[in-house]
Amino acid sequence: MTVGKYQIVNPNEGHPLPDTHKITVRVTSAYGNNYHYADNVNEGHFAYQAPEAGDYMACFFAADLKPSTTITIDFDWKSGVAAKDWTNVAKKGSVELMELELKKMFDTVQSIHDEMFYLREREEEMQKLNRSTNSKMFWFSFLSLGICLSVAGLQLWHLKSFFEKKKLI
């Protein structure tokens, strides 16, 4: 779960936000899929369940202003357990404070549990790769040793026959 909230910071406290302070917001995945789009806004929020792995990107665009103006944006992006709004859960369900804390802990434990299984799978893949690499290195070393011994034997045979032809032996 991912939630985000953005708002343009008013440069003139106590005065209304100028009409020129409008932005366009787009949230996209690493594959280019749009998850949020808002045009000509001062503030807003978004929420989505992330179906794709990878990095997500939020882009803020401001119209070309003459003279150029700096726009400050207050942006809050949360994902995972932190993205759940626990205060609304407590209000909606009249859940006691202890039950609320228990749900928070359960979600935290669940995310840790899922992460552990993911890490175990990665560890198994790494061990399999290690075994494969070790096996290949063993055969490569054995082949290299065989070639070296063969070349040494050929050198001895060649030198022996050379010295016999020259009648040095």
N, C-alpha and C. Protein backbone atom coordinates (compact mmCIF):
# COMPACT_ATOMS: atom_id res chain seq x y z
N MET A 1 0.85 -1.18 0.00
CA MET A 1 0.00 0.00 0.00
C MET A 1 0.89 1.23 0.00
N THR A 2 0.53 2.22 -0.81
CA THR A 2 1.29 3.46 -0.89
C THR A 2 0.32 4.63 -0.87
N VAL A 3 0.63 5.63 -0.04
CA VAL A 3 -0.19 6.84 0.01
C VAL A 3 0.74 8.05 -0.06
N GLY A 4 0.24 9.11 -0.63
CA GLY A 4 1.01 10.35 -0.72
C GLY A 4 0.10 11.55 -0.58
N LYS A 5 0.66 12.62 -0.07
CA LYS A 5 -0.10 13.84 0.15
C LYS A 5 0.82 15.00 -0.21
N TYR A 6 0.31 15.94 -0.98
CA TYR A 6 1.12 17.09 -1.39
C TYR A 6 0.30 18.37 -1.28
N GLN A 7 1.02 19.48 -1.05
CA GLN A 7 0.37 20.77 -0.88
C GLN A 7 1.40 21.86 -1.16
N ILE A 8 0.96 22.88 -1.88
CA ILE A 8 1.85 24.01 -2.15
C ILE A 8 1.92 24.86 -0.89
N VAL A 9 3.13 25.22 -0.49
CA VAL A 9 3.33 26.06 0.69
C VAL A 9 3.08 27.50 0.28
N ASN A 10 2.21 28.17 1.04
CA ASN A 10 1.84 29.55 0.73
C ASN A 10 3.02 30.47 1.05
N PRO A 11 3.52 31.23 0.04
CA PRO A 11 4.66 32.12 0.30
C PRO A 11 4.28 33.35 1.13
N ASN A 12 3.01 33.71 1.12
CA ASN A 12 2.54 34.89 1.85
C ASN A 12 1.56 34.44 2.93
N GLU A 13 2.08 34.22 4.12
CA GLU A 13 1.22 33.79 5.22
C GLU A 13 0.12 34.81 5.46
N GLY A 14 -1.10 34.35 5.67
CA GLY A 14 -2.22 35.22 5.95
C GLY A 14 -2.94 35.72 4.71
N HIS A 15 -2.34 35.53 3.55
CA HIS A 15 -2.98 35.92 2.28
C HIS A 15 -3.35 34.65 1.52
N PRO A 16 -4.36 34.74 0.66
CA PRO A 16 -4.71 33.55 -0.12
C PRO A 16 -3.60 33.19 -1.10
N LEU A 17 -3.56 31.93 -1.48
CA LEU A 17 -2.55 31.44 -2.42
C LEU A 17 -2.80 32.06 -3.80
N PRO A 18 -1.77 32.63 -4.45
CA PRO A 18 -1.96 33.24 -5.77
C PRO A 18 -2.45 32.21 -6.80
N ASP A 19 -3.20 32.66 -7.80
CA ASP A 19 -3.72 31.77 -8.84
C ASP A 19 -2.59 31.19 -9.68
N THR A 20 -1.44 31.84 -9.71
CA THR A 20 -0.32 31.34 -10.51
C THR A 20 0.31 30.10 -9.87
N HIS A 21 0.05 29.86 -8.61
CA HIS A 21 0.64 28.74 -7.90
C HIS A 21 -0.22 27.49 -8.09
N LYS A 22 -0.20 26.94 -9.28
CA LYS A 22 -0.89 25.69 -9.60
C LYS A 22 0.14 24.74 -10.19
N ILE A 23 -0.02 23.47 -9.90
CA ILE A 23 0.94 22.47 -10.39
C ILE A 23 0.20 21.32 -11.04
N THR A 24 0.94 20.55 -11.80
CA THR A 24 0.47 19.30 -12.37
C THR A 24 1.30 18.19 -11.72
N VAL A 25 0.62 17.15 -11.25
CA VAL A 25 1.29 16.06 -10.53
C VAL A 25 1.05 14.76 -11.27
N ARG A 26 2.11 13.96 -11.39
CA ARG A 26 1.98 12.64 -12.01
C ARG A 26 2.82 11.65 -11.22
N VAL A 27 2.22 10.51 -10.86
CA VAL A 27 2.94 9.43 -10.19
C VAL A 27 2.97 8.25 -11.15
N THR A 28 4.18 7.76 -11.48
CA THR A 28 4.33 6.67 -12.44
C THR A 28 5.22 5.58 -11.87
N SER A 29 5.07 4.39 -12.45
CA SER A 29 5.92 3.26 -12.06
C SER A 29 7.17 3.25 -12.93
N ALA A 30 8.06 2.31 -12.64
CA ALA A 30 9.29 2.18 -13.43
C ALA A 30 8.98 1.76 -14.86
N TYR A 31 7.80 1.16 -15.08
CA TYR A 31 7.40 0.71 -16.41
C TYR A 31 6.58 1.76 -17.16
N GLY A 32 6.39 2.94 -16.58
CA GLY A 32 5.67 4.02 -17.24
C GLY A 32 4.17 4.02 -17.02
N ASN A 33 3.65 3.17 -16.15
CA ASN A 33 2.21 3.15 -15.87
C ASN A 33 1.85 4.29 -14.92
N ASN A 34 0.78 5.01 -15.22
CA ASN A 34 0.34 6.13 -14.38
C ASN A 34 -0.53 5.62 -13.24
N TYR A 35 -0.26 6.10 -12.03
CA TYR A 35 -1.07 5.74 -10.87
C TYR A 35 -1.79 6.95 -10.28
N HIS A 36 -1.36 8.14 -10.66
CA HIS A 36 -2.05 9.35 -10.20
C HIS A 36 -1.72 10.46 -11.18
N TYR A 37 -2.75 11.25 -11.51
CA TYR A 37 -2.54 12.41 -12.36
C TYR A 37 -3.50 13.50 -11.91
N ALA A 38 -2.99 14.68 -11.66
CA ALA A 38 -3.83 15.82 -11.29
C ALA A 38 -3.27 17.05 -11.99
N ASP A 39 -4.16 17.84 -12.58
CA ASP A 39 -3.74 19.00 -13.37
C ASP A 39 -4.30 20.28 -12.75
N ASN A 40 -3.45 21.29 -12.65
CA ASN A 40 -3.86 22.62 -12.20
C ASN A 40 -4.45 22.59 -10.78
N VAL A 41 -3.69 22.04 -9.83
CA VAL A 41 -4.16 21.89 -8.45
C VAL A 41 -3.20 22.58 -7.48
N ASN A 42 -3.73 22.89 -6.27
CA ASN A 42 -2.92 23.44 -5.19
C ASN A 42 -2.47 22.36 -4.22
N GLU A 43 -3.31 21.35 -4.08
CA GLU A 43 -3.02 20.27 -3.14
C GLU A 43 -3.77 19.03 -3.57
N GLY A 44 -3.40 17.90 -2.98
CA GLY A 44 -4.09 16.65 -3.30
C GLY A 44 -3.44 15.48 -2.59
N HIS A 45 -3.98 14.31 -2.85
CA HIS A 45 -3.43 13.09 -2.28
C HIS A 45 -3.70 11.94 -3.24
N PHE A 46 -2.95 10.86 -3.05
CA PHE A 46 -3.12 9.67 -3.88
C PHE A 46 -2.88 8.44 -3.02
N ALA A 47 -3.45 7.33 -3.46
CA ALA A 47 -3.25 6.05 -2.78
C ALA A 47 -3.38 4.95 -3.82
N TYR A 48 -2.53 3.96 -3.75
CA TYR A 48 -2.62 2.82 -4.66
C TYR A 48 -1.91 1.62 -4.06
N GLN A 49 -2.30 0.46 -4.53
CA GLN A 49 -1.67 -0.80 -4.17
C GLN A 49 -0.63 -1.06 -5.26
N ALA A 50 0.64 -1.15 -4.92
CA ALA A 50 1.70 -1.28 -5.93
C ALA A 50 1.75 -2.70 -6.48
N PRO A 51 1.30 -2.91 -7.74
CA PRO A 51 1.33 -4.25 -8.32
C PRO A 51 2.66 -4.59 -8.96
N GLU A 52 3.49 -3.59 -9.24
CA GLU A 52 4.75 -3.82 -9.93
C GLU A 52 5.92 -3.56 -8.99
N ALA A 53 6.97 -4.36 -9.13
CA ALA A 53 8.17 -4.12 -8.34
C ALA A 53 8.98 -3.01 -9.00
N GLY A 54 9.76 -2.32 -8.23
CA GLY A 54 10.61 -1.27 -8.79
C GLY A 54 10.37 0.08 -8.15
N ASP A 55 11.00 1.08 -8.72
CA ASP A 55 10.91 2.44 -8.19
C ASP A 55 9.71 3.15 -8.80
N TYR A 56 9.03 3.92 -7.97
CA TYR A 56 7.93 4.75 -8.43
C TYR A 56 8.39 6.20 -8.34
N MET A 57 7.87 7.04 -9.23
CA MET A 57 8.36 8.39 -9.33
C MET A 57 7.18 9.38 -9.31
N ALA A 58 7.35 10.44 -8.54
CA ALA A 58 6.37 11.52 -8.51
C ALA A 58 7.00 12.74 -9.17
N CYS A 59 6.31 13.28 -10.17
CA CYS A 59 6.81 14.45 -10.89
C CYS A 59 5.85 15.62 -10.66
N PHE A 60 6.41 16.76 -10.32
CA PHE A 60 5.63 17.97 -10.12
C PHE A 60 6.03 18.97 -11.21
N PHE A 61 5.03 19.45 -11.96
CA PHE A 61 5.28 20.41 -13.03
C PHE A 61 4.57 21.71 -12.69
N ALA A 62 5.23 22.83 -12.93
CA ALA A 62 4.60 24.14 -12.78
C ALA A 62 4.63 24.82 -14.14
N ALA A 63 3.57 25.58 -14.43
CA ALA A 63 3.50 26.29 -15.70
C ALA A 63 4.63 27.31 -15.78
N ASP A 64 5.01 27.67 -17.00
CA ASP A 64 6.05 28.71 -17.17
C ASP A 64 5.49 30.03 -16.68
N LEU A 65 6.09 30.55 -15.63
CA LEU A 65 5.62 31.80 -15.03
C LEU A 65 6.55 32.94 -15.42
N LYS A 66 5.98 34.07 -15.74
CA LYS A 66 6.75 35.26 -16.06
C LYS A 66 6.38 36.33 -15.05
N PRO A 67 7.23 36.85 -14.23
CA PRO A 67 8.60 36.43 -13.99
C PRO A 67 8.62 35.07 -13.29
N SER A 68 9.78 34.42 -13.36
CA SER A 68 9.87 33.08 -12.78
C SER A 68 9.66 33.14 -11.27
N THR A 69 8.99 32.11 -10.77
CA THR A 69 8.62 32.05 -9.36
C THR A 69 9.05 30.71 -8.80
N THR A 70 9.48 30.71 -7.56
CA THR A 70 9.82 29.47 -6.88
C THR A 70 8.59 28.98 -6.12
N ILE A 71 8.24 27.73 -6.36
CA ILE A 71 7.09 27.14 -5.68
C ILE A 71 7.61 26.06 -4.75
N THR A 72 7.25 26.14 -3.47
CA THR A 72 7.64 25.15 -2.49
C THR A 72 6.48 24.19 -2.26
N ILE A 73 6.79 22.89 -2.27
CA ILE A 73 5.76 21.87 -2.13
C ILE A 73 6.04 21.04 -0.89
N ASP A 74 5.03 20.86 -0.05
CA ASP A 74 5.12 19.98 1.11
C ASP A 74 4.62 18.61 0.63
N PHE A 75 5.50 17.60 0.67
CA PHE A 75 5.19 16.30 0.09
C PHE A 75 5.46 15.21 1.11
N ASP A 76 4.49 14.33 1.32
CA ASP A 76 4.62 13.22 2.28
C ASP A 76 4.25 11.93 1.55
N TRP A 77 5.19 11.00 1.48
CA TRP A 77 4.99 9.74 0.75
C TRP A 77 5.26 8.60 1.73
N LYS A 78 4.29 7.71 1.89
CA LYS A 78 4.44 6.57 2.80
C LYS A 78 4.09 5.30 2.06
N SER A 79 4.76 4.20 2.45
CA SER A 79 4.45 2.91 1.85
C SER A 79 4.57 1.83 2.91
N GLY A 80 3.93 0.70 2.65
CA GLY A 80 3.98 -0.42 3.57
C GLY A 80 3.13 -0.18 4.80
N VAL A 81 3.64 -0.59 5.94
CA VAL A 81 2.90 -0.47 7.20
C VAL A 81 2.67 1.00 7.55
N ALA A 82 3.63 1.85 7.24
CA ALA A 82 3.51 3.28 7.57
C ALA A 82 2.40 3.96 6.77
N ALA A 83 1.97 3.35 5.65
CA ALA A 83 0.98 3.98 4.78
C ALA A 83 -0.45 3.85 5.32
N LYS A 84 -0.67 2.95 6.24
CA LYS A 84 -2.03 2.77 6.75
C LYS A 84 -2.38 3.88 7.73
N ASP A 85 -3.57 4.39 7.61
CA ASP A 85 -4.05 5.48 8.48
C ASP A 85 -4.74 4.85 9.68
N TRP A 86 -3.98 4.61 10.73
CA TRP A 86 -4.50 3.88 11.89
C TRP A 86 -5.51 4.70 12.68
N THR A 87 -5.43 6.00 12.66
CA THR A 87 -6.40 6.80 13.41
C THR A 87 -7.79 6.66 12.82
N ASN A 88 -7.90 6.62 11.48
CA ASN A 88 -9.20 6.41 10.85
C ASN A 88 -9.73 5.00 11.11
N VAL A 89 -8.83 4.03 11.18
CA VAL A 89 -9.27 2.66 11.48
C VAL A 89 -9.90 2.62 12.86
N ALA A 90 -9.27 3.32 13.82
CA ALA A 90 -9.79 3.34 15.19
C ALA A 90 -11.15 4.05 15.24
N LYS A 91 -11.32 5.16 14.51
CA LYS A 91 -12.58 5.89 14.53
C LYS A 91 -13.69 5.09 13.87
N LYS A 92 -13.40 4.49 12.73
CA LYS A 92 -14.43 3.80 11.97
C LYS A 92 -14.93 2.55 12.70
N GLY A 93 -14.06 1.80 13.27
CA GLY A 93 -14.45 0.53 13.87
C GLY A 93 -14.63 0.58 15.37
N SER A 94 -14.50 1.72 15.99
CA SER A 94 -14.58 1.84 17.44
C SER A 94 -13.67 0.81 18.12
N VAL A 95 -12.49 0.66 17.59
CA VAL A 95 -11.54 -0.33 18.09
C VAL A 95 -10.83 0.27 19.30
N GLU A 96 -10.69 -0.51 20.32
CA GLU A 96 -9.98 -0.03 21.51
C GLU A 96 -8.52 0.19 21.19
N LEU A 97 -7.86 0.96 22.00
CA LEU A 97 -6.47 1.35 21.77
C LEU A 97 -5.55 0.13 21.70
N MET A 98 -5.76 -0.85 22.56
CA MET A 98 -4.91 -2.04 22.54
C MET A 98 -5.08 -2.83 21.26
N GLU A 99 -6.29 -2.94 20.76
CA GLU A 99 -6.52 -3.66 19.51
C GLU A 99 -5.85 -2.95 18.34
N LEU A 100 -5.87 -1.64 18.39
CA LEU A 100 -5.22 -0.85 17.35
C LEU A 100 -3.72 -1.11 17.35
N GLU A 101 -3.12 -1.06 18.52
CA GLU A 101 -1.68 -1.32 18.62
C GLU A 101 -1.36 -2.75 18.18
N LEU A 102 -2.22 -3.69 18.52
CA LEU A 102 -2.02 -5.08 18.12
C LEU A 102 -2.06 -5.22 16.60
N LYS A 103 -2.98 -4.53 15.95
CA LYS A 103 -3.05 -4.57 14.49
C LYS A 103 -1.79 -3.97 13.86
N LYS A 104 -1.29 -2.90 14.44
CA LYS A 104 -0.05 -2.30 13.94
C LYS A 104 1.09 -3.30 14.04
N MET A 105 1.20 -3.93 15.21
CA MET A 105 2.28 -4.90 15.42
C MET A 105 2.13 -6.10 14.48
N PHE A 106 0.90 -6.56 14.29
CA PHE A 106 0.67 -7.70 13.42
C PHE A 106 1.09 -7.37 11.98
N ASP A 107 0.75 -6.19 11.50
CA ASP A 107 1.16 -5.79 10.15
C ASP A 107 2.68 -5.68 10.04
N THR A 108 3.30 -5.16 11.08
CA THR A 108 4.76 -5.06 11.09
C THR A 108 5.39 -6.44 11.04
N VAL A 109 4.89 -7.35 11.87
CA VAL A 109 5.42 -8.71 11.91
C VAL A 109 5.18 -9.40 10.56
N GLN A 110 4.01 -9.17 9.97
CA GLN A 110 3.70 -9.79 8.68
C GLN A 110 4.66 -9.31 7.60
N SER A 111 4.98 -8.02 7.59
CA SER A 111 5.91 -7.51 6.58
C SER A 111 7.33 -8.06 6.82
N ILE A 112 7.72 -8.20 8.10
CA ILE A 112 9.03 -8.79 8.42
C ILE A 112 9.05 -10.26 7.99
N HIS A 113 7.97 -10.96 8.23
CA HIS A 113 7.85 -12.37 7.85
C HIS A 113 7.99 -12.54 6.34
N ASP A 114 7.28 -11.71 5.59
CA ASP A 114 7.37 -11.77 4.13
C ASP A 114 8.78 -11.46 3.64
N GLU A 115 9.41 -10.49 4.26
CA GLU A 115 10.78 -10.12 3.90
C GLU A 115 11.75 -11.26 4.19
N MET A 116 11.54 -11.98 5.29
CA MET A 116 12.40 -13.11 5.62
C MET A 116 12.28 -14.22 4.58
N PHE A 117 11.07 -14.51 4.13
CA PHE A 117 10.89 -15.53 3.10
C PHE A 117 11.56 -15.10 1.79
N TYR A 118 11.45 -13.83 1.48
CA TYR A 118 12.11 -13.32 0.28
C TYR A 118 13.63 -13.49 0.40
N LEU A 119 14.18 -13.16 1.58
CA LEU A 119 15.63 -13.29 1.78
C LEU A 119 16.07 -14.75 1.75
N ARG A 120 15.23 -15.66 2.25
CA ARG A 120 15.57 -17.09 2.17
C ARG A 120 15.64 -17.55 0.73
N GLU A 121 14.69 -17.13 -0.08
CA GLU A 121 14.71 -17.50 -1.50
C GLU A 121 15.97 -16.97 -2.17
N ARG A 122 16.32 -15.73 -1.86
CA ARG A 122 17.54 -15.16 -2.44
C ARG A 122 18.78 -15.93 -1.98
N GLU A 123 18.80 -16.34 -0.69
CA GLU A 123 19.94 -17.09 -0.18
C GLU A 123 20.07 -18.43 -0.88
N GLU A 124 18.94 -19.12 -1.12
CA GLU A 124 18.97 -20.40 -1.84
C GLU A 124 19.51 -20.21 -3.26
N GLU A 125 19.08 -19.14 -3.92
CA GLU A 125 19.59 -18.86 -5.26
C GLU A 125 21.10 -18.63 -5.23
N MET A 126 21.57 -17.89 -4.22
CA MET A 126 23.00 -17.61 -4.12
C MET A 126 23.79 -18.89 -3.83
N GLN A 127 23.26 -19.77 -2.98
CA GLN A 127 23.95 -21.03 -2.69
C GLN A 127 24.02 -21.90 -3.94
N LYS A 128 22.95 -21.93 -4.70
CA LYS A 128 22.93 -22.70 -5.94
C LYS A 128 23.97 -22.15 -6.92
N LEU A 129 24.05 -20.84 -7.02
CA LEU A 129 25.05 -20.21 -7.88
C LEU A 129 26.46 -20.52 -7.40
N ASN A 130 26.68 -20.50 -6.08
CA ASN A 130 27.99 -20.84 -5.51
C ASN A 130 28.40 -22.26 -5.87
N ARG A 131 27.46 -23.22 -5.68
CA ARG A 131 27.77 -24.62 -6.00
C ARG A 131 28.11 -24.77 -7.47
N SER A 132 27.35 -24.13 -8.32
CA SER A 132 27.59 -24.21 -9.76
C SER A 132 28.96 -23.63 -10.11
N THR A 133 29.27 -22.48 -9.53
CA THR A 133 30.56 -21.85 -9.80
C THR A 133 31.71 -22.72 -9.29
N ASN A 134 31.57 -23.29 -8.10
CA ASN A 134 32.61 -24.16 -7.55
C ASN A 134 32.83 -25.38 -8.45
N SER A 135 31.76 -25.97 -8.93
CA SER A 135 31.87 -27.13 -9.81
C SER A 135 32.60 -26.76 -11.10
N LYS A 136 32.20 -25.64 -11.68
CA LYS A 136 32.85 -25.22 -12.93
C LYS A 136 34.32 -24.91 -12.69
N MET A 137 34.66 -24.29 -11.57
CA MET A 137 36.06 -23.98 -11.26
C MET A 137 36.87 -25.25 -11.04
N PHE A 138 36.27 -26.27 -10.42
CA PHE A 138 36.97 -27.54 -10.22
C PHE A 138 37.34 -28.15 -11.56
N TRP A 139 36.40 -28.23 -12.48
CA TRP A 139 36.67 -28.83 -13.79
C TRP A 139 37.64 -27.99 -14.60
N PHE A 140 37.54 -26.69 -14.48
CA PHE A 140 38.47 -25.81 -15.18
C PHE A 140 39.89 -26.00 -14.63
N SER A 141 40.03 -26.07 -13.32
CA SER A 141 41.35 -26.28 -12.71
C SER A 141 41.92 -27.63 -13.11
N PHE A 142 41.08 -28.67 -13.10
CA PHE A 142 41.51 -30.01 -13.48
C PHE A 142 41.97 -30.02 -14.94
N LEU A 143 41.23 -29.37 -15.82
CA LEU A 143 41.60 -29.28 -17.23
C LEU A 143 42.91 -28.51 -17.40
N SER A 144 43.07 -27.40 -16.67
CA SER A 144 44.31 -26.61 -16.74
C SER A 144 45.51 -27.43 -16.29
N LEU A 145 45.35 -28.18 -15.21
CA LEU A 145 46.43 -29.03 -14.71
C LEU A 145 46.79 -30.09 -15.74
N GLY A 146 45.78 -30.70 -16.35
CA GLY A 146 46.04 -31.72 -17.38
C GLY A 146 46.78 -31.14 -18.56
N ILE A 147 46.39 -29.95 -19.00
CA ILE A 147 47.07 -29.31 -20.13
C ILE A 147 48.52 -28.98 -19.77
N CYS A 148 48.74 -28.46 -18.56
CA CYS A 148 50.10 -28.13 -18.12
C CYS A 148 50.99 -29.36 -18.06
N LEU A 149 50.48 -30.46 -17.52
CA LEU A 149 51.27 -31.70 -17.45
C LEU A 149 51.54 -32.25 -18.84
N SER A 150 50.56 -32.16 -19.75
CA SER A 150 50.76 -32.62 -21.13
C SER A 150 51.85 -31.82 -21.82
N VAL A 151 51.81 -30.51 -21.67
CA VAL A 151 52.82 -29.65 -22.29
C VAL A 151 54.20 -29.95 -21.70
N ALA A 152 54.26 -30.18 -20.38
CA ALA A 152 55.55 -30.50 -19.74
C ALA A 152 56.08 -31.82 -20.29
N GLY A 153 55.21 -32.83 -20.46
CA GLY A 153 55.63 -34.12 -21.02
C GLY A 153 56.11 -33.97 -22.45
N LEU A 154 55.41 -33.19 -23.26
CA LEU A 154 55.83 -32.96 -24.64
C LEU A 154 57.17 -32.23 -24.70
N GLN A 155 57.40 -31.30 -23.79
CA GLN A 155 58.69 -30.60 -23.76
C GLN A 155 59.82 -31.56 -23.42
N LEU A 156 59.59 -32.44 -22.43
CA LEU A 156 60.62 -33.42 -22.06
C LEU A 156 60.91 -34.36 -23.23
N TRP A 157 59.88 -34.85 -23.87
CA TRP A 157 60.05 -35.75 -25.02
C TRP A 157 60.83 -35.05 -26.15
N HIS A 158 60.46 -33.78 -26.43
CA HIS A 158 61.13 -33.03 -27.49
C HIS A 158 62.60 -32.79 -27.14
N LEU A 159 62.87 -32.37 -25.89
CA LEU A 159 64.27 -32.13 -25.51
C LEU A 159 65.09 -33.42 -25.54
N LYS A 160 64.49 -34.52 -25.11
CA LYS A 160 65.22 -35.80 -25.11
C LYS A 160 65.55 -36.20 -26.55
N SER A 161 64.57 -36.10 -27.45
CA SER A 161 64.84 -36.48 -28.84
C SER A 161 65.83 -35.50 -29.49
N PHE A 162 65.76 -34.22 -29.14
CA PHE A 162 66.70 -33.24 -29.68
C PHE A 162 68.13 -33.55 -29.25
N PHE A 163 68.32 -33.84 -27.95
CA PHE A 163 69.66 -34.14 -27.46
C PHE A 163 70.18 -35.46 -28.00
N GLU A 164 69.28 -36.43 -28.26
CA GLU A 164 69.73 -37.70 -28.86
C GLU A 164 70.18 -37.50 -30.29
N LYS A 165 69.48 -36.61 -31.04
CA LYS A 165 69.89 -36.33 -32.43
C LYS A 165 71.24 -35.62 -32.46
N LYS A 166 71.49 -34.78 -31.50
CA LYS A 166 72.75 -34.03 -31.43
C LYS A 166 73.84 -34.87 -30.78
N LYS A 167 73.46 -36.04 -30.31
CA LYS A 167 74.36 -36.99 -29.65
C LYS A 167 75.01 -36.43 -28.41
N LEU A 168 74.19 -35.69 -27.68
CA LEU A 168 74.68 -35.16 -26.41
C LEU A 168 74.31 -36.12 -25.29
N ILE A 169 73.39 -37.00 -25.53
CA ILE A 169 73.00 -37.98 -24.51
C ILE A 169 73.43 -39.34 -24.95
